[in-house]
Amino acid sequence: MSNGSFVASKIFFTNGAGSHKEKLSSFEAALRDAKIACYNLVYVSSILPPNCKTISRDEGLKYLEPGQIIYCVMARIESNEANRLMSASIGVAQPTDWEKQYGYLSEHHAFGETDEKAGDYAEDLAATMLATTLGIEFNPETAWDEREKYYKESGLILKTRNITQSAIGKKEGLWTTALAAAVLLP
């Protein structure tokens, strides 16, 4: 920390889904499923700080106390439409020089997308943001798997990944929420 600011040194990823007759309670159920319901969440944008270590959710939760304010990047989607497929995903792109160079986190949420499709899209978003920052030239019309290979062959992007949650709207007309989150820790 410098000048009272917060720079994360650790990050963990989580996801969850929940349903309820009330929209807010559906979100609460998804937060409970993701194990982050007892914290005050502050949404932040998409920068993965340099030298930020990825840890497991279980390890990350050990650093937190109920009621604590925590920073996160979150993708969230909800619907009360029966049988509606929905997905929320966080994409991650980490540079090779991650000890000094920041990476990117992306949020994506969509209706009608499977886990795989939403996850690939979120991963592509994060990798493309990082690629443009690093000056990697690419054809945006190229398919993600080809760009992913090209990015990694450049030697500038170490790895990409995603965490995704999908859910299907309940027949009873209940609200259903799907979420994915990256939680940043000091």
N, C-alpha and C. Protein backbone atom coordinates (compact mmCIF):
# COMPACT_ATOMS: atom_id res chain seq x y z
N MET A 1 0.83 -1.19 0.00
CA MET A 1 0.00 0.00 0.00
C MET A 1 0.87 1.24 0.00
N SER A 2 0.41 2.24 -0.75
CA SER A 2 1.09 3.52 -0.74
C SER A 2 0.05 4.62 -0.80
N ASN A 3 0.29 5.69 -0.05
CA ASN A 3 -0.64 6.83 -0.02
C ASN A 3 -2.06 6.41 0.32
N GLY A 4 -2.23 5.41 1.15
CA GLY A 4 -3.56 4.97 1.54
C GLY A 4 -4.28 4.15 0.48
N SER A 5 -3.61 3.83 -0.61
CA SER A 5 -4.26 3.06 -1.66
C SER A 5 -4.08 1.57 -1.41
N PHE A 6 -4.87 0.80 -2.10
CA PHE A 6 -4.89 -0.65 -1.94
C PHE A 6 -4.43 -1.30 -3.24
N VAL A 7 -3.40 -2.13 -3.18
CA VAL A 7 -2.98 -2.93 -4.33
C VAL A 7 -2.99 -4.38 -3.89
N ALA A 8 -3.77 -5.17 -4.59
CA ALA A 8 -3.92 -6.58 -4.22
C ALA A 8 -2.62 -7.35 -4.44
N SER A 9 -2.32 -8.23 -3.50
CA SER A 9 -1.17 -9.13 -3.65
C SER A 9 -1.63 -10.58 -3.86
N LYS A 10 -2.92 -10.82 -3.60
CA LYS A 10 -3.50 -12.15 -3.79
C LYS A 10 -4.87 -12.01 -4.43
N ILE A 11 -5.27 -13.07 -5.13
CA ILE A 11 -6.58 -13.10 -5.78
C ILE A 11 -7.12 -14.51 -5.73
N PHE A 12 -8.44 -14.62 -5.54
CA PHE A 12 -9.07 -15.93 -5.71
C PHE A 12 -10.34 -15.77 -6.53
N PHE A 13 -10.76 -16.88 -7.11
CA PHE A 13 -11.91 -16.88 -8.01
C PHE A 13 -13.00 -17.75 -7.42
N THR A 14 -14.24 -17.33 -7.64
CA THR A 14 -15.37 -18.08 -7.12
C THR A 14 -16.57 -17.91 -8.04
N ASN A 15 -17.53 -18.77 -7.90
CA ASN A 15 -18.75 -18.69 -8.70
C ASN A 15 -19.90 -19.30 -7.92
N GLY A 16 -21.13 -18.97 -8.33
CA GLY A 16 -22.29 -19.51 -7.65
C GLY A 16 -23.57 -19.21 -8.41
N ALA A 17 -24.61 -19.92 -8.02
CA ALA A 17 -25.93 -19.72 -8.60
C ALA A 17 -26.96 -19.85 -7.49
N GLY A 18 -28.09 -19.15 -7.66
CA GLY A 18 -29.15 -19.23 -6.67
C GLY A 18 -30.48 -18.84 -7.26
N SER A 19 -31.54 -19.30 -6.63
CA SER A 19 -32.90 -18.98 -7.08
C SER A 19 -33.76 -18.61 -5.88
N HIS A 20 -34.72 -17.73 -6.14
CA HIS A 20 -35.66 -17.30 -5.10
C HIS A 20 -36.79 -16.52 -5.77
N LYS A 21 -37.91 -16.37 -5.09
CA LYS A 21 -39.02 -15.60 -5.66
C LYS A 21 -38.69 -14.12 -5.77
N GLU A 22 -37.76 -13.63 -4.95
CA GLU A 22 -37.33 -12.24 -4.99
C GLU A 22 -35.98 -12.14 -5.70
N LYS A 23 -35.85 -11.14 -6.55
CA LYS A 23 -34.61 -10.95 -7.32
C LYS A 23 -33.40 -10.78 -6.40
N LEU A 24 -33.50 -9.91 -5.40
CA LEU A 24 -32.39 -9.67 -4.48
C LEU A 24 -32.02 -10.93 -3.71
N SER A 25 -33.01 -11.68 -3.29
CA SER A 25 -32.74 -12.92 -2.55
C SER A 25 -32.09 -13.98 -3.45
N SER A 26 -32.41 -13.94 -4.73
CA SER A 26 -31.75 -14.82 -5.69
C SER A 26 -30.26 -14.49 -5.76
N PHE A 27 -29.94 -13.20 -5.81
CA PHE A 27 -28.55 -12.75 -5.81
C PHE A 27 -27.85 -13.19 -4.53
N GLU A 28 -28.53 -13.01 -3.39
CA GLU A 28 -27.98 -13.43 -2.10
C GLU A 28 -27.69 -14.93 -2.10
N ALA A 29 -28.60 -15.73 -2.66
CA ALA A 29 -28.39 -17.19 -2.72
C ALA A 29 -27.17 -17.53 -3.58
N ALA A 30 -26.98 -16.79 -4.67
CA ALA A 30 -25.80 -17.02 -5.51
C ALA A 30 -24.52 -16.62 -4.77
N LEU A 31 -24.56 -15.52 -4.03
CA LEU A 31 -23.40 -15.11 -3.22
C LEU A 31 -23.08 -16.16 -2.16
N ARG A 32 -24.11 -16.73 -1.54
CA ARG A 32 -23.89 -17.79 -0.55
C ARG A 32 -23.25 -19.00 -1.20
N ASP A 33 -23.74 -19.37 -2.38
CA ASP A 33 -23.18 -20.51 -3.10
C ASP A 33 -21.71 -20.26 -3.43
N ALA A 34 -21.38 -19.00 -3.72
CA ALA A 34 -20.00 -18.62 -4.04
C ALA A 34 -19.15 -18.41 -2.78
N LYS A 35 -19.78 -18.46 -1.61
CA LYS A 35 -19.11 -18.30 -0.30
C LYS A 35 -18.65 -16.88 -0.01
N ILE A 36 -19.30 -15.87 -0.64
CA ILE A 36 -18.90 -14.47 -0.39
C ILE A 36 -20.08 -13.60 0.05
N ALA A 37 -21.13 -14.20 0.56
CA ALA A 37 -22.33 -13.45 0.96
C ALA A 37 -22.13 -12.60 2.21
N CYS A 38 -21.21 -12.96 3.07
CA CYS A 38 -21.08 -12.25 4.35
C CYS A 38 -20.10 -11.08 4.30
N TYR A 39 -19.73 -10.66 3.08
CA TYR A 39 -18.80 -9.54 2.93
C TYR A 39 -19.47 -8.38 2.21
N ASN A 40 -18.95 -7.19 2.41
CA ASN A 40 -19.41 -6.02 1.69
C ASN A 40 -18.57 -5.89 0.43
N LEU A 41 -19.21 -6.08 -0.71
CA LEU A 41 -18.49 -6.15 -1.98
C LEU A 41 -18.42 -4.77 -2.64
N VAL A 42 -17.23 -4.43 -3.09
CA VAL A 42 -17.01 -3.21 -3.85
C VAL A 42 -16.52 -3.66 -5.22
N TYR A 43 -17.27 -3.31 -6.24
CA TYR A 43 -16.91 -3.71 -7.61
C TYR A 43 -15.83 -2.78 -8.14
N VAL A 44 -14.82 -3.39 -8.73
CA VAL A 44 -13.74 -2.63 -9.36
C VAL A 44 -13.61 -3.07 -10.81
N SER A 45 -12.82 -2.33 -11.57
CA SER A 45 -12.66 -2.65 -12.98
C SER A 45 -11.67 -3.78 -13.19
N SER A 46 -10.97 -3.79 -14.28
CA SER A 46 -10.42 -5.01 -14.84
C SER A 46 -8.91 -5.23 -14.76
N ILE A 47 -8.22 -4.62 -13.83
CA ILE A 47 -6.76 -4.78 -13.79
C ILE A 47 -6.34 -5.86 -12.79
N LEU A 48 -5.54 -6.81 -13.27
CA LEU A 48 -4.91 -7.81 -12.42
C LEU A 48 -3.55 -7.23 -12.04
N PRO A 49 -3.37 -6.85 -10.76
CA PRO A 49 -2.12 -6.18 -10.38
C PRO A 49 -0.88 -7.02 -10.65
N PRO A 50 0.26 -6.35 -10.89
CA PRO A 50 1.50 -7.09 -11.04
C PRO A 50 1.78 -7.91 -9.78
N ASN A 51 2.39 -9.05 -9.95
CA ASN A 51 2.84 -9.91 -8.85
C ASN A 51 1.70 -10.34 -7.92
N CYS A 52 0.49 -10.40 -8.45
CA CYS A 52 -0.68 -10.82 -7.67
C CYS A 52 -0.80 -12.35 -7.78
N LYS A 53 -0.69 -13.00 -6.65
CA LYS A 53 -0.66 -14.47 -6.61
C LYS A 53 -2.08 -15.04 -6.58
N THR A 54 -2.36 -16.01 -7.43
CA THR A 54 -3.65 -16.69 -7.41
C THR A 54 -3.63 -17.77 -6.34
N ILE A 55 -4.63 -17.72 -5.47
CA ILE A 55 -4.77 -18.72 -4.41
C ILE A 55 -6.15 -19.36 -4.52
N SER A 56 -6.36 -20.45 -3.82
CA SER A 56 -7.65 -21.12 -3.85
C SER A 56 -8.70 -20.31 -3.09
N ARG A 57 -9.96 -20.57 -3.39
CA ARG A 57 -11.03 -19.88 -2.66
C ARG A 57 -10.94 -20.19 -1.17
N ASP A 58 -10.73 -21.45 -0.82
CA ASP A 58 -10.66 -21.81 0.60
C ASP A 58 -9.53 -21.07 1.32
N GLU A 59 -8.38 -20.95 0.67
CA GLU A 59 -7.27 -20.22 1.27
C GLU A 59 -7.61 -18.74 1.38
N GLY A 60 -8.20 -18.17 0.33
CA GLY A 60 -8.56 -16.76 0.33
C GLY A 60 -9.55 -16.39 1.41
N LEU A 61 -10.53 -17.26 1.64
CA LEU A 61 -11.54 -16.98 2.66
C LEU A 61 -10.95 -16.90 4.06
N LYS A 62 -9.81 -17.54 4.28
CA LYS A 62 -9.15 -17.49 5.59
C LYS A 62 -8.66 -16.09 5.93
N TYR A 63 -8.45 -15.25 4.92
CA TYR A 63 -7.97 -13.89 5.13
C TYR A 63 -9.09 -12.90 5.45
N LEU A 64 -10.34 -13.35 5.36
CA LEU A 64 -11.48 -12.43 5.46
C LEU A 64 -12.29 -12.63 6.73
N GLU A 65 -12.95 -11.54 7.15
CA GLU A 65 -13.85 -11.57 8.30
C GLU A 65 -15.24 -11.13 7.85
N PRO A 66 -16.29 -11.72 8.42
CA PRO A 66 -17.65 -11.29 8.06
C PRO A 66 -17.80 -9.77 8.22
N GLY A 67 -18.45 -9.15 7.24
CA GLY A 67 -18.66 -7.71 7.27
C GLY A 67 -17.54 -6.91 6.63
N GLN A 68 -16.41 -7.56 6.36
CA GLN A 68 -15.27 -6.86 5.78
C GLN A 68 -15.60 -6.35 4.38
N ILE A 69 -15.06 -5.19 4.05
CA ILE A 69 -15.18 -4.65 2.70
C ILE A 69 -14.12 -5.34 1.84
N ILE A 70 -14.58 -5.96 0.75
CA ILE A 70 -13.64 -6.60 -0.17
C ILE A 70 -13.88 -6.10 -1.59
N TYR A 71 -12.82 -6.06 -2.34
CA TYR A 71 -12.86 -5.61 -3.72
C TYR A 71 -12.96 -6.82 -4.65
N CYS A 72 -13.79 -6.69 -5.66
CA CYS A 72 -13.93 -7.81 -6.59
C CYS A 72 -14.32 -7.32 -7.98
N VAL A 73 -13.98 -8.14 -8.96
CA VAL A 73 -14.49 -7.98 -10.31
C VAL A 73 -15.57 -9.04 -10.42
N MET A 74 -16.79 -8.64 -10.78
CA MET A 74 -17.90 -9.59 -10.80
C MET A 74 -18.67 -9.53 -12.11
N ALA A 75 -19.02 -10.71 -12.59
CA ALA A 75 -19.96 -10.85 -13.70
C ALA A 75 -21.22 -11.46 -13.09
N ARG A 76 -22.37 -10.89 -13.42
CA ARG A 76 -23.64 -11.32 -12.81
C ARG A 76 -24.76 -11.23 -13.84
N ILE A 77 -25.63 -12.22 -13.82
CA ILE A 77 -26.78 -12.22 -14.72
C ILE A 77 -27.95 -12.86 -13.99
N GLU A 78 -29.15 -12.37 -14.28
CA GLU A 78 -30.33 -12.92 -13.61
C GLU A 78 -31.54 -12.85 -14.52
N SER A 79 -32.48 -13.75 -14.25
CA SER A 79 -33.71 -13.80 -15.03
C SER A 79 -34.79 -14.53 -14.22
N ASN A 80 -36.03 -14.19 -14.50
CA ASN A 80 -37.14 -14.96 -13.92
C ASN A 80 -37.90 -15.68 -15.03
N GLU A 81 -37.25 -15.84 -16.17
CA GLU A 81 -37.85 -16.54 -17.30
C GLU A 81 -37.54 -18.04 -17.21
N ALA A 82 -38.58 -18.86 -17.23
CA ALA A 82 -38.41 -20.31 -17.13
C ALA A 82 -37.54 -20.84 -18.26
N ASN A 83 -36.66 -21.76 -17.93
CA ASN A 83 -35.79 -22.47 -18.88
C ASN A 83 -34.78 -21.57 -19.60
N ARG A 84 -34.56 -20.37 -19.13
CA ARG A 84 -33.62 -19.45 -19.78
C ARG A 84 -32.20 -19.80 -19.33
N LEU A 85 -31.34 -20.16 -20.29
CA LEU A 85 -29.93 -20.43 -20.00
C LEU A 85 -29.19 -19.11 -19.88
N MET A 86 -28.42 -18.98 -18.81
CA MET A 86 -27.63 -17.76 -18.59
C MET A 86 -26.27 -18.14 -18.05
N SER A 87 -25.28 -17.33 -18.37
CA SER A 87 -23.91 -17.59 -17.92
C SER A 87 -23.23 -16.29 -17.52
N ALA A 88 -22.39 -16.39 -16.50
CA ALA A 88 -21.57 -15.27 -16.04
C ALA A 88 -20.13 -15.79 -15.97
N SER A 89 -19.19 -15.00 -16.46
CA SER A 89 -17.82 -15.48 -16.54
C SER A 89 -16.82 -14.36 -16.28
N ILE A 90 -15.72 -14.72 -15.64
CA ILE A 90 -14.57 -13.84 -15.47
C ILE A 90 -13.43 -14.44 -16.29
N GLY A 91 -12.84 -13.63 -17.17
CA GLY A 91 -11.67 -14.05 -17.94
C GLY A 91 -10.42 -13.46 -17.32
N VAL A 92 -9.31 -14.16 -17.46
CA VAL A 92 -8.04 -13.73 -16.88
C VAL A 92 -6.95 -13.84 -17.94
N ALA A 93 -6.12 -12.81 -18.05
CA ALA A 93 -4.95 -12.85 -18.91
C ALA A 93 -3.76 -12.32 -18.12
N GLN A 94 -2.76 -13.17 -17.99
CA GLN A 94 -1.58 -12.84 -17.19
C GLN A 94 -0.37 -12.71 -18.10
N PRO A 95 0.37 -11.59 -18.01
CA PRO A 95 1.55 -11.43 -18.86
C PRO A 95 2.71 -12.31 -18.38
N THR A 96 3.64 -12.57 -19.27
CA THR A 96 4.82 -13.37 -18.92
C THR A 96 5.60 -12.68 -17.80
N ASP A 97 5.74 -11.36 -17.90
CA ASP A 97 6.47 -10.59 -16.90
C ASP A 97 5.52 -10.13 -15.79
N TRP A 98 4.76 -11.07 -15.23
CA TRP A 98 3.70 -10.71 -14.29
C TRP A 98 4.21 -10.13 -12.97
N GLU A 99 5.50 -10.29 -12.68
CA GLU A 99 6.02 -9.67 -11.45
C GLU A 99 6.05 -8.15 -11.57
N LYS A 100 6.12 -7.64 -12.82
CA LYS A 100 6.23 -6.19 -13.03
C LYS A 100 5.09 -5.62 -13.86
N GLN A 101 4.47 -6.43 -14.70
CA GLN A 101 3.45 -5.97 -15.65
C GLN A 101 2.06 -6.41 -15.19
N TYR A 102 1.11 -5.50 -15.26
CA TYR A 102 -0.26 -5.88 -14.90
C TYR A 102 -0.92 -6.70 -16.00
N GLY A 103 -1.93 -7.44 -15.61
CA GLY A 103 -2.73 -8.23 -16.54
C GLY A 103 -4.15 -7.72 -16.54
N TYR A 104 -5.05 -8.53 -17.08
CA TYR A 104 -6.45 -8.10 -17.19
C TYR A 104 -7.41 -9.16 -16.69
N LEU A 105 -8.51 -8.66 -16.15
CA LEU A 105 -9.68 -9.46 -15.78
C LEU A 105 -10.84 -8.91 -16.60
N SER A 106 -11.67 -9.78 -17.12
CA SER A 106 -12.83 -9.31 -17.87
C SER A 106 -14.08 -9.93 -17.29
N GLU A 107 -15.20 -9.22 -17.43
CA GLU A 107 -16.49 -9.76 -17.02
C GLU A 107 -17.36 -9.93 -18.25
N HIS A 108 -18.04 -11.05 -18.31
CA HIS A 108 -18.95 -11.31 -19.42
C HIS A 108 -20.17 -12.03 -18.86
N HIS A 109 -21.32 -11.61 -19.29
CA HIS A 109 -22.56 -12.31 -18.92
C HIS A 109 -23.47 -12.32 -20.14
N ALA A 110 -24.16 -13.45 -20.35
CA ALA A 110 -24.97 -13.57 -21.56
C ALA A 110 -26.07 -14.61 -21.37
N PHE A 111 -27.13 -14.44 -22.13
CA PHE A 111 -28.19 -15.43 -22.18
C PHE A 111 -27.90 -16.38 -23.34
N GLY A 112 -28.26 -17.65 -23.16
CA GLY A 112 -28.15 -18.64 -24.22
C GLY A 112 -26.76 -19.16 -24.49
N GLU A 113 -25.79 -18.88 -23.61
CA GLU A 113 -24.44 -19.38 -23.80
C GLU A 113 -24.09 -20.44 -22.76
N THR A 114 -23.43 -21.49 -23.21
CA THR A 114 -22.96 -22.54 -22.31
C THR A 114 -21.76 -22.02 -21.51
N ASP A 115 -21.36 -22.77 -20.50
CA ASP A 115 -20.17 -22.43 -19.73
C ASP A 115 -18.96 -22.25 -20.65
N GLU A 116 -18.80 -23.20 -21.56
CA GLU A 116 -17.63 -23.18 -22.43
C GLU A 116 -17.61 -21.94 -23.33
N LYS A 117 -18.73 -21.63 -23.94
CA LYS A 117 -18.79 -20.48 -24.85
C LYS A 117 -18.58 -19.17 -24.08
N ALA A 118 -19.26 -19.00 -22.95
CA ALA A 118 -19.12 -17.78 -22.15
C ALA A 118 -17.69 -17.67 -21.60
N GLY A 119 -17.13 -18.78 -21.15
CA GLY A 119 -15.76 -18.78 -20.62
C GLY A 119 -14.74 -18.41 -21.67
N ASP A 120 -14.87 -19.00 -22.85
CA ASP A 120 -13.95 -18.67 -23.94
C ASP A 120 -14.05 -17.18 -24.31
N TYR A 121 -15.27 -16.67 -24.34
CA TYR A 121 -15.47 -15.26 -24.69
C TYR A 121 -14.81 -14.35 -23.66
N ALA A 122 -15.01 -14.64 -22.36
CA ALA A 122 -14.42 -13.83 -21.30
C ALA A 122 -12.90 -13.90 -21.34
N GLU A 123 -12.37 -15.08 -21.59
CA GLU A 123 -10.93 -15.27 -21.68
C GLU A 123 -10.37 -14.46 -22.86
N ASP A 124 -11.08 -14.52 -23.99
CA ASP A 124 -10.70 -13.78 -25.18
C ASP A 124 -10.69 -12.28 -24.89
N LEU A 125 -11.71 -11.78 -24.20
CA LEU A 125 -11.77 -10.35 -23.86
C LEU A 125 -10.54 -9.92 -23.05
N ALA A 126 -10.21 -10.69 -22.02
CA ALA A 126 -9.07 -10.35 -21.16
C ALA A 126 -7.77 -10.41 -21.96
N ALA A 127 -7.60 -11.46 -22.74
CA ALA A 127 -6.37 -11.62 -23.52
C ALA A 127 -6.22 -10.53 -24.57
N THR A 128 -7.31 -10.14 -25.18
CA THR A 128 -7.26 -9.09 -26.19
C THR A 128 -6.90 -7.74 -25.57
N MET A 129 -7.47 -7.44 -24.40
CA MET A 129 -7.10 -6.19 -23.71
C MET A 129 -5.61 -6.19 -23.37
N LEU A 130 -5.11 -7.33 -22.88
CA LEU A 130 -3.69 -7.41 -22.55
C LEU A 130 -2.83 -7.31 -23.81
N ALA A 131 -3.23 -7.99 -24.86
CA ALA A 131 -2.46 -7.96 -26.11
C ALA A 131 -2.32 -6.54 -26.65
N THR A 132 -3.41 -5.77 -26.60
CA THR A 132 -3.33 -4.40 -27.11
C THR A 132 -2.43 -3.54 -26.22
N THR A 133 -2.44 -3.79 -24.93
CA THR A 133 -1.56 -3.07 -24.01
C THR A 133 -0.09 -3.38 -24.28
N LEU A 134 0.18 -4.65 -24.62
CA LEU A 134 1.56 -5.09 -24.85
C LEU A 134 2.04 -4.82 -26.28
N GLY A 135 1.14 -4.30 -27.12
CA GLY A 135 1.52 -4.00 -28.49
C GLY A 135 1.56 -5.21 -29.41
N ILE A 136 0.88 -6.29 -29.03
CA ILE A 136 0.83 -7.48 -29.89
C ILE A 136 -0.18 -7.21 -30.99
N GLU A 137 0.27 -7.28 -32.22
CA GLU A 137 -0.64 -7.06 -33.35
C GLU A 137 -1.33 -8.38 -33.69
N PHE A 138 -2.60 -8.29 -34.00
CA PHE A 138 -3.39 -9.49 -34.29
C PHE A 138 -4.58 -9.10 -35.15
N ASN A 139 -5.17 -10.10 -35.75
CA ASN A 139 -6.38 -9.91 -36.54
C ASN A 139 -7.57 -10.22 -35.64
N PRO A 140 -8.40 -9.22 -35.31
CA PRO A 140 -9.53 -9.46 -34.40
C PRO A 140 -10.58 -10.41 -34.98
N GLU A 141 -10.54 -10.65 -36.28
CA GLU A 141 -11.51 -11.56 -36.91
C GLU A 141 -11.10 -13.02 -36.77
N THR A 142 -9.87 -13.28 -36.33
CA THR A 142 -9.39 -14.65 -36.17
C THR A 142 -10.10 -15.30 -35.00
N ALA A 143 -10.36 -16.59 -35.09
CA ALA A 143 -11.03 -17.33 -34.02
C ALA A 143 -10.17 -17.29 -32.75
N TRP A 144 -10.85 -17.39 -31.58
CA TRP A 144 -10.17 -17.29 -30.30
C TRP A 144 -9.07 -18.32 -30.16
N ASP A 145 -9.28 -19.59 -30.53
CA ASP A 145 -8.22 -20.59 -30.33
C ASP A 145 -6.97 -20.27 -31.14
N GLU A 146 -7.14 -19.68 -32.31
CA GLU A 146 -5.98 -19.28 -33.10
C GLU A 146 -5.27 -18.09 -32.47
N ARG A 147 -6.06 -17.10 -32.02
CA ARG A 147 -5.45 -15.93 -31.35
C ARG A 147 -4.78 -16.33 -30.06
N GLU A 148 -5.41 -17.24 -29.30
CA GLU A 148 -4.82 -17.69 -28.04
C GLU A 148 -3.43 -18.28 -28.29
N LYS A 149 -3.34 -19.13 -29.28
CA LYS A 149 -2.05 -19.74 -29.64
C LYS A 149 -1.05 -18.64 -30.05
N TYR A 150 -1.48 -17.70 -30.87
CA TYR A 150 -0.63 -16.60 -31.33
C TYR A 150 -0.15 -15.76 -30.15
N TYR A 151 -1.07 -15.42 -29.24
CA TYR A 151 -0.71 -14.62 -28.06
C TYR A 151 0.37 -15.32 -27.25
N LYS A 152 0.17 -16.60 -26.99
CA LYS A 152 1.12 -17.34 -26.16
C LYS A 152 2.45 -17.54 -26.86
N GLU A 153 2.42 -17.71 -28.18
CA GLU A 153 3.66 -17.84 -28.96
C GLU A 153 4.43 -16.53 -29.00
N SER A 154 3.76 -15.41 -28.76
CA SER A 154 4.44 -14.11 -28.75
C SER A 154 5.46 -14.03 -27.63
N GLY A 155 5.29 -14.87 -26.61
CA GLY A 155 6.19 -14.84 -25.45
C GLY A 155 5.83 -13.75 -24.45
N LEU A 156 4.77 -12.98 -24.71
CA LEU A 156 4.39 -11.88 -23.83
C LEU A 156 3.21 -12.21 -22.92
N ILE A 157 2.42 -13.20 -23.31
CA ILE A 157 1.27 -13.60 -22.50
C ILE A 157 1.52 -15.00 -21.98
N LEU A 158 1.61 -15.12 -20.65
CA LEU A 158 1.94 -16.38 -20.01
C LEU A 158 0.76 -17.35 -20.01
N LYS A 159 -0.40 -16.86 -19.51
CA LYS A 159 -1.54 -17.76 -19.45
C LYS A 159 -2.85 -17.01 -19.43
N THR A 160 -3.88 -17.72 -19.83
CA THR A 160 -5.24 -17.22 -19.77
C THR A 160 -6.09 -18.31 -19.14
N ARG A 161 -7.20 -17.88 -18.54
CA ARG A 161 -8.12 -18.83 -17.94
C ARG A 161 -9.45 -18.13 -17.71
N ASN A 162 -10.43 -18.89 -17.24
CA ASN A 162 -11.72 -18.29 -16.90
C ASN A 162 -12.36 -19.08 -15.78
N ILE A 163 -13.30 -18.43 -15.13
CA ILE A 163 -14.19 -19.11 -14.19
C ILE A 163 -15.60 -18.69 -14.60
N THR A 164 -16.46 -19.68 -14.75
CA THR A 164 -17.78 -19.44 -15.31
C THR A 164 -18.84 -20.17 -14.50
N GLN A 165 -20.01 -19.55 -14.42
CA GLN A 165 -21.18 -20.17 -13.79
C GLN A 165 -22.35 -20.01 -14.74
N SER A 166 -23.01 -21.12 -15.03
CA SER A 166 -24.24 -21.02 -15.81
C SER A 166 -25.39 -21.51 -14.94
N ALA A 167 -26.58 -21.14 -15.33
CA ALA A 167 -27.79 -21.57 -14.62
C ALA A 167 -28.95 -21.54 -15.60
N ILE A 168 -29.99 -22.27 -15.28
CA ILE A 168 -31.20 -22.30 -16.10
C ILE A 168 -32.36 -21.79 -15.25
N GLY A 169 -33.11 -20.85 -15.80
CA GLY A 169 -34.25 -20.27 -15.10
C GLY A 169 -35.24 -21.35 -14.65
N LYS A 170 -35.75 -21.20 -13.46
CA LYS A 170 -36.68 -22.18 -12.87
C LYS A 170 -38.07 -22.07 -13.50
N LYS A 171 -38.73 -23.19 -13.61
CA LYS A 171 -40.06 -23.23 -14.22
C LYS A 171 -41.10 -22.46 -13.41
N GLU A 172 -40.92 -22.41 -12.12
CA GLU A 172 -41.90 -21.76 -11.25
C GLU A 172 -41.87 -20.23 -11.39
N GLY A 173 -41.03 -19.71 -12.27
CA GLY A 173 -40.92 -18.26 -12.44
C GLY A 173 -40.08 -17.60 -11.37
N LEU A 174 -39.31 -18.38 -10.64
CA LEU A 174 -38.42 -17.82 -9.64
C LEU A 174 -37.29 -17.05 -10.32
N TRP A 175 -36.78 -16.08 -9.62
CA TRP A 175 -35.58 -15.40 -10.11
C TRP A 175 -34.40 -16.33 -9.95
N THR A 176 -33.54 -16.38 -10.94
CA THR A 176 -32.31 -17.17 -10.89
C THR A 176 -31.15 -16.25 -11.22
N THR A 177 -30.08 -16.35 -10.44
CA THR A 177 -28.88 -15.54 -10.63
C THR A 177 -27.68 -16.45 -10.79
N ALA A 178 -26.82 -16.12 -11.74
CA ALA A 178 -25.52 -16.78 -11.90
C ALA A 178 -24.46 -15.69 -11.76
N LEU A 179 -23.36 -16.00 -11.07
CA LEU A 179 -22.29 -15.03 -10.91
C LEU A 179 -20.94 -15.71 -10.89
N ALA A 180 -19.95 -14.95 -11.29
CA ALA A 180 -18.54 -15.35 -11.18
C ALA A 180 -17.80 -14.12 -10.67
N ALA A 181 -16.80 -14.34 -9.83
CA ALA A 181 -16.10 -13.20 -9.25
C ALA A 181 -14.61 -13.50 -9.05
N ALA A 182 -13.82 -12.44 -9.15
CA ALA A 182 -12.41 -12.45 -8.81
C ALA A 182 -12.29 -11.56 -7.58
N VAL A 183 -11.86 -12.12 -6.46
CA VAL A 183 -11.77 -11.37 -5.20
C VAL A 183 -10.31 -11.00 -4.96
N LEU A 184 -10.08 -9.69 -4.79
CA LEU A 184 -8.73 -9.15 -4.61
C LEU A 184 -8.44 -8.96 -3.12
N LEU A 185 -7.28 -9.44 -2.70
CA LEU A 185 -6.88 -9.38 -1.28
C LEU A 185 -5.57 -8.63 -1.11
N PRO A 186 -5.43 -7.93 0.04
CA PRO A 186 -4.16 -7.21 0.29
C PRO A 186 -3.00 -8.18 0.54
